[in-house]
Amino acid sequence: MTPGWYFIVVDGVLWTVVVTAGAFALGAAFAVPLCLLRVSRVPVIKIAASSLIMFVRSVPPIVWLFLVYFGLGSGPLQVGGAQAAIVALGIVTAANMAEIYRGALASIHHGQWEACRALNFSSWWTFYDVVAPQLVRVAIPSMATHLIGLMKDTAIASTVGVADIAFQANFVSRREFEGLRVFAFAGLLYIFLSVPIAALARYTDAQLRSRVAR
């Protein structure tokens, strides 16, 4: 094989990180209003939000990618491969993160809300001082798990020309007629990127638990 082929595969790390970070940030933000609709006391709104989440999660991410890339790209709005991947994976992330938020919110005992009202806490201080620390601590493990899965799902971006790890590994394997070592190295890169996320999630969870304990 040509010396230095692994540098070509490593070049794909940047786009893998960019697409992962962009999709996660987009999804995490849009998941907040979606979660609020999901826990609404109005039955129609709650059912509509639940149905939307179920629909989004039932469609494979690659289908969303093609819908965004070829659907929007065939119209007047031109969408690049990376942009399409971020939007498509952001849609999927929003649906999954909304359920993570909802589960974390449900874990907070209703008595704490009543205590805050009894102490005349405003809605902002109730959320900031009581709800948010517990919600984040409960949600972090699931968020980290989804983030790692999302990073692996970014491999589908290679199908629309995004030069991520999977794209570069496929390019090298075709050029060198060697697939085993190339894709094994690509797999190691994904592991290398996943480990810090898991470690940071554990560290953050431990720090939040120690603060709650105090």
Protein backbone atom coordinates (compact mmCIF):
# COMPACT_ATOMS: atom_id res chain seq x y z
CA MET A 1 0.00 0.00 0.00
CA THR A 2 1.07 3.60 -0.59
CA PRO A 3 2.93 5.01 2.45
CA GLY A 4 0.89 7.56 4.36
CA TRP A 5 -2.54 6.25 3.30
CA TYR A 6 -3.68 6.50 6.90
CA PHE A 7 -3.24 10.27 6.80
CA ILE A 8 -5.90 10.38 4.09
CA VAL A 9 -8.32 8.53 6.37
CA VAL A 10 -7.44 10.77 9.32
CA ASP A 11 -8.33 13.79 7.17
CA GLY A 12 -11.94 12.63 7.42
CA VAL A 13 -12.01 13.14 11.19
CA LEU A 14 -12.67 16.87 10.81
CA TRP A 15 -15.86 16.42 8.79
CA THR A 16 -17.03 13.61 11.07
CA VAL A 17 -16.67 15.93 14.08
CA VAL A 18 -18.26 18.88 12.27
CA VAL A 19 -21.34 16.92 11.17
CA THR A 20 -21.69 15.27 14.59
CA ALA A 21 -21.40 18.54 16.51
CA GLY A 22 -23.70 20.42 14.15
CA ALA A 23 -26.41 17.77 14.15
CA PHE A 24 -26.26 17.33 17.92
CA ALA A 25 -26.43 21.07 18.62
CA LEU A 26 -29.33 21.50 16.18
CA GLY A 27 -31.23 18.53 17.54
CA ALA A 28 -30.63 19.36 21.21
CA ALA A 29 -32.00 22.87 20.66
CA PHE A 30 -35.13 21.87 18.73
CA ALA A 31 -35.78 19.02 21.17
CA VAL A 32 -36.65 21.52 23.92
CA PRO A 33 -39.87 22.90 22.38
CA LEU A 34 -40.70 19.43 21.07
CA CYS A 35 -40.38 18.02 24.59
CA LEU A 36 -42.60 20.80 25.97
CA LEU A 37 -45.25 19.91 23.39
CA ARG A 38 -44.82 16.23 24.28
CA VAL A 39 -45.62 16.88 27.96
CA SER A 40 -48.38 19.39 27.25
CA ARG A 41 -51.61 19.05 29.24
CA VAL A 42 -53.60 19.61 26.05
CA PRO A 43 -54.34 16.10 24.70
CA VAL A 44 -54.37 17.11 21.03
CA ILE A 45 -50.95 18.79 21.27
CA LYS A 46 -49.51 15.91 23.26
CA ILE A 47 -50.75 13.29 20.79
CA ALA A 48 -49.54 15.32 17.80
CA ALA A 49 -46.04 15.74 19.31
CA SER A 50 -45.89 12.06 20.26
CA SER A 51 -46.93 11.01 16.76
CA LEU A 52 -44.35 13.32 15.19
CA ILE A 53 -41.56 11.91 17.37
CA MET A 54 -42.61 8.35 16.57
CA PHE A 55 -42.74 9.13 12.85
CA VAL A 56 -39.28 10.71 12.79
CA ARG A 57 -37.73 7.86 14.77
CA SER A 58 -39.36 5.23 12.53
CA VAL A 59 -37.69 6.52 9.35
CA PRO A 60 -34.03 5.47 8.85
CA PRO A 61 -31.54 8.37 9.07
CA ILE A 62 -30.29 7.74 5.54
CA VAL A 63 -33.81 8.27 4.19
CA TRP A 64 -33.98 11.64 5.95
CA LEU A 65 -30.61 12.48 4.44
CA PHE A 66 -31.79 11.70 0.93
CA LEU A 67 -35.04 13.59 1.48
CA VAL A 68 -33.13 16.70 2.54
CA TYR A 69 -30.29 16.42 0.03
CA PHE A 70 -32.21 15.39 -3.07
CA GLY A 71 -35.53 16.96 -2.05
CA LEU A 72 -34.26 20.44 -1.22
CA GLY A 73 -31.34 20.17 -3.60
CA SER A 74 -33.65 19.62 -6.56
CA GLY A 75 -35.46 22.89 -5.80
CA PRO A 76 -34.32 26.50 -5.78
CA LEU A 77 -32.60 26.04 -2.40
CA GLN A 78 -29.19 24.49 -2.94
CA VAL A 79 -28.03 22.26 -0.09
CA GLY A 80 -24.51 20.86 0.22
CA GLY A 81 -23.75 17.38 1.45
CA ALA A 82 -22.54 18.48 4.88
CA GLN A 83 -25.49 20.83 5.34
CA ALA A 84 -27.94 18.10 4.36
CA ALA A 85 -26.29 15.64 6.77
CA ILE A 86 -26.43 18.12 9.66
CA VAL A 87 -30.10 18.93 9.02
CA ALA A 88 -31.15 15.30 8.48
CA LEU A 89 -29.31 13.95 11.51
CA GLY A 90 -30.45 17.01 13.47
CA ILE A 91 -34.07 16.04 12.79
CA VAL A 92 -33.45 12.53 14.08
CA THR A 93 -31.54 13.88 17.08
CA ALA A 94 -34.35 16.28 17.97
CA ALA A 95 -36.84 13.41 18.17
CA ASN A 96 -34.54 11.26 20.29
CA MET A 97 -33.41 14.09 22.54
CA ALA A 98 -37.01 15.15 23.15
CA GLU A 99 -37.69 11.69 24.58
CA ILE A 100 -34.51 11.86 26.66
CA TYR A 101 -35.58 15.22 28.06
CA ARG A 102 -39.07 13.91 28.75
CA GLY A 103 -37.73 10.88 30.62
CA ALA A 104 -35.41 13.04 32.70
CA LEU A 105 -38.22 15.47 33.45
CA ALA A 106 -40.51 12.62 34.53
CA SER A 107 -37.87 11.39 36.99
CA ILE A 108 -38.19 14.55 39.08
CA HIS A 109 -40.69 13.94 41.89
CA HIS A 110 -43.78 16.15 41.71
CA GLY A 111 -43.28 17.01 45.39
CA GLN A 112 -40.31 19.17 44.47
CA TRP A 113 -42.50 21.31 42.22
CA GLU A 114 -45.00 21.68 45.05
CA ALA A 115 -42.23 22.62 47.50
CA CYS A 116 -41.00 25.32 45.12
CA ARG A 117 -44.48 26.76 44.83
CA ALA A 118 -44.83 26.68 48.62
CA LEU A 119 -41.57 28.61 48.92
CA ASN A 120 -42.85 31.10 46.34
CA PHE A 121 -40.06 30.35 43.87
CA SER A 122 -40.53 31.90 40.46
CA SER A 123 -40.73 29.58 37.45
CA TRP A 124 -37.22 30.61 36.42
CA TRP A 125 -35.63 29.90 39.79
CA THR A 126 -37.54 26.64 40.10
CA PHE A 127 -36.08 25.49 36.82
CA TYR A 128 -32.58 26.92 37.38
CA ASP A 129 -32.04 25.88 41.01
CA VAL A 130 -34.12 22.71 41.35
CA VAL A 131 -35.14 21.18 38.05
CA ALA A 132 -32.20 21.81 35.69
CA PRO A 133 -29.41 20.25 37.84
CA GLN A 134 -31.42 17.07 38.31
CA LEU A 135 -32.61 16.96 34.72
CA VAL A 136 -29.08 17.31 33.34
CA ARG A 137 -27.68 14.68 35.70
CA VAL A 138 -30.35 12.15 34.72
CA ALA A 139 -30.13 12.94 31.01
CA ILE A 140 -26.32 12.94 30.62
CA PRO A 141 -25.80 9.15 30.25
CA SER A 142 -28.51 8.89 27.58
CA MET A 143 -27.27 12.03 25.84
CA ALA A 144 -23.73 10.65 25.70
CA THR A 145 -24.98 7.33 24.36
CA HIS A 146 -26.96 9.08 21.65
CA LEU A 147 -24.01 11.34 20.79
CA ILE A 148 -21.75 8.34 20.29
CA GLY A 149 -24.40 6.66 18.14
CA LEU A 150 -24.87 9.88 16.20
CA MET A 151 -21.16 10.07 15.47
CA LYS A 152 -21.27 6.58 13.98
CA ASP A 153 -24.39 7.49 11.99
CA THR A 154 -22.49 10.33 10.32
CA ALA A 155 -20.94 7.63 8.12
CA ILE A 156 -24.06 7.89 5.96
CA ALA A 157 -22.93 11.42 5.01
CA SER A 158 -20.32 9.77 2.80
CA THR A 159 -23.12 8.73 0.45
CA VAL A 160 -23.67 12.39 -0.52
CA GLY A 161 -20.00 13.26 -0.89
CA VAL A 162 -19.03 14.45 2.60
CA ALA A 163 -15.33 13.64 3.04
CA ASP A 164 -15.67 12.08 6.49
CA ILE A 165 -13.87 9.03 7.86
CA ALA A 166 -16.07 6.54 6.00
CA PHE A 167 -15.72 8.44 2.71
CA GLN A 168 -11.94 8.65 2.95
CA ALA A 169 -11.63 5.02 3.99
CA ASN A 170 -13.73 3.95 1.02
CA PHE A 171 -11.60 6.10 -1.28
CA VAL A 172 -8.35 4.59 -0.02
CA SER A 173 -9.68 1.01 -0.13
CA ARG A 174 -10.72 1.42 -3.77
CA ARG A 175 -7.43 3.02 -4.73
CA GLU A 176 -5.22 0.53 -2.91
CA PHE A 177 -7.43 -2.54 -3.38
CA GLU A 178 -7.13 -3.14 0.36
CA GLY A 179 -10.22 -3.04 2.54
CA LEU A 180 -9.44 -4.89 5.75
CA ARG A 181 -6.65 -2.72 7.13
CA VAL A 182 -8.20 0.51 5.89
CA PHE A 183 -11.61 -0.01 7.43
CA ALA A 184 -10.09 -1.50 10.59
CA PHE A 185 -8.14 1.74 10.96
CA ALA A 186 -11.33 3.73 10.30
CA GLY A 187 -13.04 1.75 13.06
CA LEU A 188 -10.22 2.58 15.45
CA LEU A 189 -10.71 6.29 14.67
CA TYR A 190 -14.38 6.05 15.59
CA ILE A 191 -13.42 4.34 18.85
CA PHE A 192 -10.80 7.02 19.49
CA LEU A 193 -13.47 9.71 19.09
CA SER A 194 -16.03 7.84 21.21
CA VAL A 195 -13.87 7.23 24.29
CA PRO A 196 -13.45 10.93 25.27
CA ILE A 197 -17.22 11.46 24.99
CA ALA A 198 -17.92 8.55 27.33
CA ALA A 199 -15.18 9.66 29.75
CA LEU A 200 -16.45 13.26 29.80
CA ALA A 201 -20.01 12.05 30.43
CA ARG A 202 -18.87 9.94 33.39
CA TYR A 203 -16.82 12.80 34.81
CA THR A 204 -19.67 15.30 34.46
CA ASP A 205 -22.14 12.85 36.01
CA ALA A 206 -19.80 12.28 38.97
CA GLN A 207 -19.36 16.02 39.50
CA LEU A 208 -23.10 16.67 39.43
CA ARG A 209 -23.76 13.79 41.81
CA SER A 210 -21.21 15.15 44.28
CA ARG A 211 -22.86 18.60 44.15
CA VAL A 212 -26.28 17.10 44.78
CA ALA A 213 -24.88 15.07 47.67
CA ARG A 214 -23.51 18.23 49.30
